[in-house]
Amino acid sequence: CEQELAAAGYGSSFVLQVRKELRYAKGAMPAVESLAKTLGVSSRTLKRKLLAEGTSYRDLVDELLSEQALA
């Protein structure tokens, strides 16, 4: 199970941090630059870390918006 979750991006602590910040964002989804600042990294580092884990900021935002729409 852990391997499957990691492959889907759920096992990564950085991806989990980004998901958590997106879930608790008030109002509109934060811009990548704003979220990067919240996490204490540059936007380029945020994008690079997410890419290394097989996802992107846009993918995570789209995933959350889809979950919200289904709810």
PDB file of N, CA and C in Angstrom:
ATOM      1  N   CYS A   1       0.820  -1.191   0.000  1.00  0.00           N
ATOM      2  CA  CYS A   1       0.000   0.000   0.000  1.00  0.00           C
ATOM      3  C   CYS A   1       0.861   1.250   0.000  1.00  0.00           C
ATOM      4  N   GLU A   2       1.925   1.234   0.821  1.00  0.00           N
ATOM      5  CA  GLU A   2       2.769   2.419   0.909  1.00  0.00           C
ATOM      6  C   GLU A   2       3.401   2.754  -0.441  1.00  0.00           C
ATOM      7  N   GLN A   3       3.796   1.735  -1.197  1.00  0.00           N
ATOM      8  CA  GLN A   3       4.392   1.972  -2.514  1.00  0.00           C
ATOM      9  C   GLN A   3       3.363   2.562  -3.467  1.00  0.00           C
ATOM     10  N   GLU A   4       2.153   2.058  -3.423  1.00  0.00           N
ATOM     11  CA  GLU A   4       1.091   2.579  -4.280  1.00  0.00           C
ATOM     12  C   GLU A   4       0.790   4.041  -3.937  1.00  0.00           C
ATOM     13  N   LEU A   5       0.710   4.347  -2.649  1.00  0.00           N
ATOM     14  CA  LEU A   5       0.449   5.721  -2.234  1.00  0.00           C
ATOM     15  C   LEU A   5       1.598   6.639  -2.628  1.00  0.00           C
ATOM     16  N   ALA A   6       2.822   6.177  -2.465  1.00  0.00           N
ATOM     17  CA  ALA A   6       3.985   6.985  -2.849  1.00  0.00           C
ATOM     18  C   ALA A   6       3.982   7.238  -4.352  1.00  0.00           C
ATOM     19  N   ALA A   7       3.635   6.230  -5.136  1.00  0.00           N
ATOM     20  CA  ALA A   7       3.584   6.378  -6.590  1.00  0.00           C
ATOM     21  C   ALA A   7       2.518   7.391  -7.001  1.00  0.00           C
ATOM     22  N   ALA A   8       1.455   7.479  -6.217  1.00  0.00           N
ATOM     23  CA  ALA A   8       0.376   8.430  -6.510  1.00  0.00           C
ATOM     24  C   ALA A   8       0.643   9.803  -5.903  1.00  0.00           C
ATOM     25  N   GLY A   9       1.773   9.944  -5.205  1.00  0.00           N
ATOM     26  CA  GLY A   9       2.114  11.238  -4.627  1.00  0.00           C
ATOM     27  C   GLY A   9       1.621  11.440  -3.213  1.00  0.00           C
ATOM     28  N   TYR A  10       1.041  10.408  -2.606  1.00  0.00           N
ATOM     29  CA  TYR A  10       0.512  10.545  -1.260  1.00  0.00           C
ATOM     30  C   TYR A  10       1.536  10.227  -0.180  1.00  0.00           C
ATOM     31  N   GLY A  11       2.647   9.607  -0.528  1.00  0.00           N
ATOM     32  CA  GLY A  11       3.619   9.226   0.477  1.00  0.00           C
ATOM     33  C   GLY A  11       4.690  10.264   0.712  1.00  0.00           C
ATOM     34  N   SER A  12       4.686  11.299  -0.065  1.00  0.00           N
ATOM     35  CA  SER A  12       5.730  12.312   0.011  1.00  0.00           C
ATOM     36  C   SER A  12       5.366  13.383   1.025  1.00  0.00           C
ATOM     37  N   SER A  13       6.296  13.692   1.887  1.00  0.00           N
ATOM     38  CA  SER A  13       6.009  14.714   2.883  1.00  0.00           C
ATOM     39  C   SER A  13       5.865  16.092   2.233  1.00  0.00           C
ATOM     40  N   PHE A  14       6.643  16.387   1.179  1.00  0.00           N
ATOM     41  CA  PHE A  14       6.521  17.694   0.538  1.00  0.00           C
ATOM     42  C   PHE A  14       5.185  17.815  -0.189  1.00  0.00           C
ATOM     43  N   VAL A  15       4.799  16.797  -0.912  1.00  0.00           N
ATOM     44  CA  VAL A  15       3.495  16.815  -1.592  1.00  0.00           C
ATOM     45  C   VAL A  15       2.377  16.930  -0.558  1.00  0.00           C
ATOM     46  N   LEU A  16       2.525  16.232   0.556  1.00  0.00           N
ATOM     47  CA  LEU A  16       1.509  16.327   1.607  1.00  0.00           C
ATOM     48  C   LEU A  16       1.440  17.726   2.186  1.00  0.00           C
ATOM     49  N   GLN A  17       2.585  18.374   2.349  1.00  0.00           N
ATOM     50  CA  GLN A  17       2.596  19.762   2.839  1.00  0.00           C
ATOM     51  C   GLN A  17       1.852  20.678   1.877  1.00  0.00           C
ATOM     52  N   VAL A  18       2.117  20.526   0.595  1.00  0.00           N
ATOM     53  CA  VAL A  18       1.464  21.373  -0.407  1.00  0.00           C
ATOM     54  C   VAL A  18      -0.041  21.104  -0.399  1.00  0.00           C
ATOM     55  N   ARG A  19      -0.423  19.833  -0.369  1.00  0.00           N
ATOM     56  CA  ARG A  19      -1.859  19.504  -0.328  1.00  0.00           C
ATOM     57  C   ARG A  19      -2.523  20.113   0.894  1.00  0.00           C
ATOM     58  N   LYS A  20      -1.851  20.014   2.048  1.00  0.00           N
ATOM     59  CA  LYS A  20      -2.419  20.562   3.281  1.00  0.00           C
ATOM     60  C   LYS A  20      -2.611  22.070   3.159  1.00  0.00           C
ATOM     61  N   GLU A  21      -1.615  22.760   2.654  1.00  0.00           N
ATOM     62  CA  GLU A  21      -1.726  24.208   2.493  1.00  0.00           C
ATOM     63  C   GLU A  21      -2.852  24.575   1.523  1.00  0.00           C
ATOM     64  N   LEU A  22      -2.988  23.813   0.457  1.00  0.00           N
ATOM     65  CA  LEU A  22      -4.063  24.089  -0.504  1.00  0.00           C
ATOM     66  C   LEU A  22      -5.430  23.847   0.112  1.00  0.00           C
ATOM     67  N   ARG A  23      -5.558  22.778   0.886  1.00  0.00           N
ATOM     68  CA  ARG A  23      -6.844  22.454   1.496  1.00  0.00           C
ATOM     69  C   ARG A  23      -7.296  23.534   2.477  1.00  0.00           C
ATOM     70  N   TYR A  24      -6.351  24.124   3.194  1.00  0.00           N
ATOM     71  CA  TYR A  24      -6.698  25.104   4.214  1.00  0.00           C
ATOM     72  C   TYR A  24      -6.604  26.541   3.723  1.00  0.00           C
ATOM     73  N   ALA A  25      -6.382  26.721   2.433  1.00  0.00           N
ATOM     74  CA  ALA A  25      -6.331  28.076   1.864  1.00  0.00           C
ATOM     75  C   ALA A  25      -7.727  28.683   1.935  1.00  0.00           C
ATOM     76  N   LYS A  26      -7.772  29.916   2.335  1.00  0.00           N
ATOM     77  CA  LYS A  26      -9.061  30.613   2.421  1.00  0.00           C
ATOM     78  C   LYS A  26      -9.313  31.320   1.099  1.00  0.00           C
ATOM     79  N   GLY A  27     -10.519  31.192   0.583  1.00  0.00           N
ATOM     80  CA  GLY A  27     -10.862  31.841  -0.679  1.00  0.00           C
ATOM     81  C   GLY A  27     -10.297  31.092  -1.866  1.00  0.00           C
ATOM     82  N   ALA A  28      -9.763  31.839  -2.801  1.00  0.00           N
ATOM     83  CA  ALA A  28      -9.216  31.255  -4.029  1.00  0.00           C
ATOM     84  C   ALA A  28      -7.921  30.503  -3.743  1.00  0.00           C
ATOM     85  N   MET A  29      -7.562  29.633  -4.652  1.00  0.00           N
ATOM     86  CA  MET A  29      -6.306  28.897  -4.532  1.00  0.00           C
ATOM     87  C   MET A  29      -5.143  29.884  -4.580  1.00  0.00           C
ATOM     88  N   PRO A  30      -4.169  29.712  -3.698  1.00  0.00           N
ATOM     89  CA  PRO A  30      -3.034  30.640  -3.708  1.00  0.00           C
ATOM     90  C   PRO A  30      -2.173  30.450  -4.957  1.00  0.00           C
ATOM     91  N   ALA A  31      -1.535  31.528  -5.369  1.00  0.00           N
ATOM     92  CA  ALA A  31      -0.585  31.442  -6.480  1.00  0.00           C
ATOM     93  C   ALA A  31       0.616  30.629  -6.014  1.00  0.00           C
ATOM     94  N   VAL A  32       1.301  30.028  -6.961  1.00  0.00           N
ATOM     95  CA  VAL A  32       2.451  29.186  -6.625  1.00  0.00           C
ATOM     96  C   VAL A  32       3.488  29.984  -5.843  1.00  0.00           C
ATOM     97  N   GLU A  33       3.689  31.252  -6.186  1.00  0.00           N
ATOM     98  CA  GLU A  33       4.663  32.085  -5.487  1.00  0.00           C
ATOM     99  C   GLU A  33       4.264  32.290  -4.027  1.00  0.00           C
ATOM    100  N   SER A  34       2.981  32.496  -3.785  1.00  0.00           N
ATOM    101  CA  SER A  34       2.478  32.699  -2.433  1.00  0.00           C
ATOM    102  C   SER A  34       2.636  31.437  -1.593  1.00  0.00           C
ATOM    103  N   LEU A  35       2.290  30.301  -2.163  1.00  0.00           N
ATOM    104  CA  LEU A  35       2.411  29.041  -1.436  1.00  0.00           C
ATOM    105  C   LEU A  35       3.871  28.714  -1.161  1.00  0.00           C
ATOM    106  N   ALA A  36       4.732  28.980  -2.126  1.00  0.00           N
ATOM    107  CA  ALA A  36       6.162  28.729  -1.940  1.00  0.00           C
ATOM    108  C   ALA A  36       6.681  29.552  -0.764  1.00  0.00           C
ATOM    109  N   LYS A  37       6.273  30.805  -0.685  1.00  0.00           N
ATOM    110  CA  LYS A  37       6.701  31.677   0.413  1.00  0.00           C
ATOM    111  C   LYS A  37       6.221  31.115   1.747  1.00  0.00           C
ATOM    112  N   THR A  38       4.988  30.641   1.788  1.00  0.00           N
ATOM    113  CA  THR A  38       4.438  30.034   3.002  1.00  0.00           C
ATOM    114  C   THR A  38       5.275  28.841   3.441  1.00  0.00           C
ATOM    115  N   LEU A  39       5.739  28.051   2.479  1.00  0.00           N
ATOM    116  CA  LEU A  39       6.535  26.858   2.784  1.00  0.00           C
ATOM    117  C   LEU A  39       8.014  27.171   2.983  1.00  0.00           C
ATOM    118  N   GLY A  40       8.404  28.413   2.759  1.00  0.00           N
ATOM    119  CA  GLY A  40       9.782  28.811   2.976  1.00  0.00           C
ATOM    120  C   GLY A  40      10.757  28.395   1.888  1.00  0.00           C
ATOM    121  N   VAL A  41      10.236  28.272   0.652  1.00  0.00           N
ATOM    122  CA  VAL A  41      11.083  27.928  -0.496  1.00  0.00           C
ATOM    123  C   VAL A  41      10.760  28.883  -1.640  1.00  0.00           C
ATOM    124  N   SER A  42      11.612  28.891  -2.642  1.00  0.00           N
ATOM    125  CA  SER A  42      11.303  29.693  -3.832  1.00  0.00           C
ATOM    126  C   SER A  42      10.278  28.944  -4.675  1.00  0.00           C
ATOM    127  N   SER A  43       9.616  29.682  -5.555  1.00  0.00           N
ATOM    128  CA  SER A  43       8.634  29.019  -6.422  1.00  0.00           C
ATOM    129  C   SER A  43       9.319  28.004  -7.324  1.00  0.00           C
ATOM    130  N   ARG A  44      10.535  28.298  -7.751  1.00  0.00           N
ATOM    131  CA  ARG A  44      11.291  27.358  -8.591  1.00  0.00           C
ATOM    132  C   ARG A  44      11.603  26.074  -7.821  1.00  0.00           C
ATOM    133  N   THR A  45      11.985  26.210  -6.549  1.00  0.00           N
ATOM    134  CA  THR A  45      12.266  25.026  -5.729  1.00  0.00           C
ATOM    135  C   THR A  45      11.005  24.209  -5.518  1.00  0.00           C
ATOM    136  N   LEU A  46       9.888  24.886  -5.249  1.00  0.00           N
ATOM    137  CA  LEU A  46       8.620  24.183  -5.071  1.00  0.00           C
ATOM    138  C   LEU A  46       8.292  23.378  -6.323  1.00  0.00           C
ATOM    139  N   LYS A  47       8.394  24.010  -7.477  1.00  0.00           N
ATOM    140  CA  LYS A  47       8.089  23.313  -8.737  1.00  0.00           C
ATOM    141  C   LYS A  47       9.042  22.149  -8.961  1.00  0.00           C
ATOM    142  N   ARG A  48      10.326  22.365  -8.678  1.00  0.00           N
ATOM    143  CA  ARG A  48      11.321  21.320  -8.888  1.00  0.00           C
ATOM    144  C   ARG A  48      11.077  20.121  -7.963  1.00  0.00           C
ATOM    145  N   LYS A  49      10.756  20.384  -6.693  1.00  0.00           N
ATOM    146  CA  LYS A  49      10.495  19.295  -5.740  1.00  0.00           C
ATOM    147  C   LYS A  49       9.254  18.500  -6.144  1.00  0.00           C
ATOM    148  N   LEU A  50       8.226  19.215  -6.563  1.00  0.00           N
ATOM    149  CA  LEU A  50       7.009  18.517  -6.987  1.00  0.00           C
ATOM    150  C   LEU A  50       7.266  17.683  -8.243  1.00  0.00           C
ATOM    151  N   LEU A  51       8.020  18.245  -9.177  1.00  0.00           N
ATOM    152  CA  LEU A  51       8.348  17.508 -10.399  1.00  0.00           C
ATOM    153  C   LEU A  51       9.151  16.254 -10.077  1.00  0.00           C
ATOM    154  N   ALA A  52      10.072  16.356  -9.138  1.00  0.00           N
ATOM    155  CA  ALA A  52      10.877  15.205  -8.732  1.00  0.00           C
ATOM    156  C   ALA A  52      10.011  14.108  -8.117  1.00  0.00           C
ATOM    157  N   GLU A  53       8.862  14.497  -7.592  1.00  0.00           N
ATOM    158  CA  GLU A  53       7.948  13.542  -6.983  1.00  0.00           C
ATOM    159  C   GLU A  53       6.815  13.147  -7.931  1.00  0.00           C
ATOM    160  N   GLY A  54       6.924  13.566  -9.185  1.00  0.00           N
ATOM    161  CA  GLY A  54       5.989  13.099 -10.198  1.00  0.00           C
ATOM    162  C   GLY A  54       4.689  13.870 -10.306  1.00  0.00           C
ATOM    163  N   THR A  55       4.680  15.097  -9.834  1.00  0.00           N
ATOM    164  CA  THR A  55       3.462  15.885  -9.938  1.00  0.00           C
ATOM    165  C   THR A  55       3.833  17.342 -10.178  1.00  0.00           C
ATOM    166  N   SER A  56       2.837  18.190 -10.235  1.00  0.00           N
ATOM    167  CA  SER A  56       3.069  19.618 -10.419  1.00  0.00           C
ATOM    168  C   SER A  56       2.069  20.378  -9.561  1.00  0.00           C
ATOM    169  N   TYR A  57       2.333  21.648  -9.378  1.00  0.00           N
ATOM    170  CA  TYR A  57       1.426  22.499  -8.609  1.00  0.00           C
ATOM    171  C   TYR A  57       0.044  22.499  -9.258  1.00  0.00           C
ATOM    172  N   ARG A  58       0.019  22.649 -10.564  1.00  0.00           N
ATOM    173  CA  ARG A  58      -1.258  22.680 -11.294  1.00  0.00           C
ATOM    174  C   ARG A  58      -2.024  21.368 -11.101  1.00  0.00           C
ATOM    175  N   ASP A  59      -1.315  20.234 -11.146  1.00  0.00           N
ATOM    176  CA  ASP A  59      -1.969  18.938 -10.934  1.00  0.00           C
ATOM    177  C   ASP A  59      -2.608  18.862  -9.550  1.00  0.00           C
ATOM    178  N   LEU A  60      -1.898  19.352  -8.535  1.00  0.00           N
ATOM    179  CA  LEU A  60      -2.428  19.305  -7.172  1.00  0.00           C
ATOM    180  C   LEU A  60      -3.632  20.228  -7.015  1.00  0.00           C
ATOM    181  N   VAL A  61      -3.567  21.403  -7.618  1.00  0.00           N
ATOM    182  CA  VAL A  61      -4.704  22.333  -7.568  1.00  0.00           C
ATOM    183  C   VAL A  61      -5.904  21.716  -8.284  1.00  0.00           C
ATOM    184  N   ASP A  62      -5.686  21.172  -9.470  1.00  0.00           N
ATOM    185  CA  ASP A  62      -6.776  20.542 -10.225  1.00  0.00           C
ATOM    186  C   ASP A  62      -7.391  19.380  -9.448  1.00  0.00           C
ATOM    187  N   GLU A  63      -6.538  18.589  -8.795  1.00  0.00           N
ATOM    188  CA  GLU A  63      -7.014  17.458  -8.001  1.00  0.00           C
ATOM    189  C   GLU A  63      -7.915  17.947  -6.868  1.00  0.00           C
ATOM    190  N   LEU A  64      -7.493  18.981  -6.170  1.00  0.00           N
ATOM    191  CA  LEU A  64      -8.289  19.505  -5.058  1.00  0.00           C
ATOM    192  C   LEU A  64      -9.591  20.118  -5.556  1.00  0.00           C
ATOM    193  N   LEU A  65      -9.553  20.860  -6.632  1.00  0.00           N
ATOM    194  CA  LEU A  65     -10.774  21.458  -7.189  1.00  0.00           C
ATOM    195  C   LEU A  65     -11.749  20.368  -7.623  1.00  0.00           C
ATOM    196  N   SER A  66     -11.227  19.291  -8.175  1.00  0.00           N
ATOM    197  CA  SER A  66     -12.076  18.170  -8.578  1.00  0.00           C
ATOM    198  C   SER A  66     -12.732  17.520  -7.359  1.00  0.00           C
ATOM    199  N   GLU A  67     -11.956  17.327  -6.301  1.00  0.00           N
ATOM    200  CA  GLU A  67     -12.497  16.755  -5.063  1.00  0.00           C
ATOM    201  C   GLU A  67     -13.600  17.644  -4.499  1.00  0.00           C
ATOM    202  N   GLN A  68     -13.360  18.960  -4.508  1.00  0.00           N
ATOM    203  CA  GLN A  68     -14.352  19.905  -3.995  1.00  0.00           C
ATOM    204  C   GLN A  68     -15.619  19.884  -4.838  1.00  0.00           C
ATOM    205  N   ALA A  69     -15.469  19.776  -6.134  1.00  0.00           N
ATOM    206  CA  ALA A  69     -16.627  19.751  -7.026  1.00  0.00           C
ATOM    207  C   ALA A  69     -17.465  18.490  -6.793  1.00  0.00           C
ATOM    208  N   LEU A  70     -16.783  17.369  -6.584  1.00  0.00           N
ATOM    209  CA  LEU A  70     -17.500  16.113  -6.341  1.00  0.00           C
ATOM    210  C   LEU A  70     -18.205  16.105  -4.992  1.00  0.00           C
ATOM    211  N   ALA A  71     -17.621  16.805  -4.031  1.00  0.00           N
ATOM    212  CA  ALA A  71     -18.235  16.866  -2.699  1.00  0.00           C
ATOM    213  C   ALA A  71     -19.488  17.727  -2.749  1.00  0.00           C
TER     214      ALA A  71
END
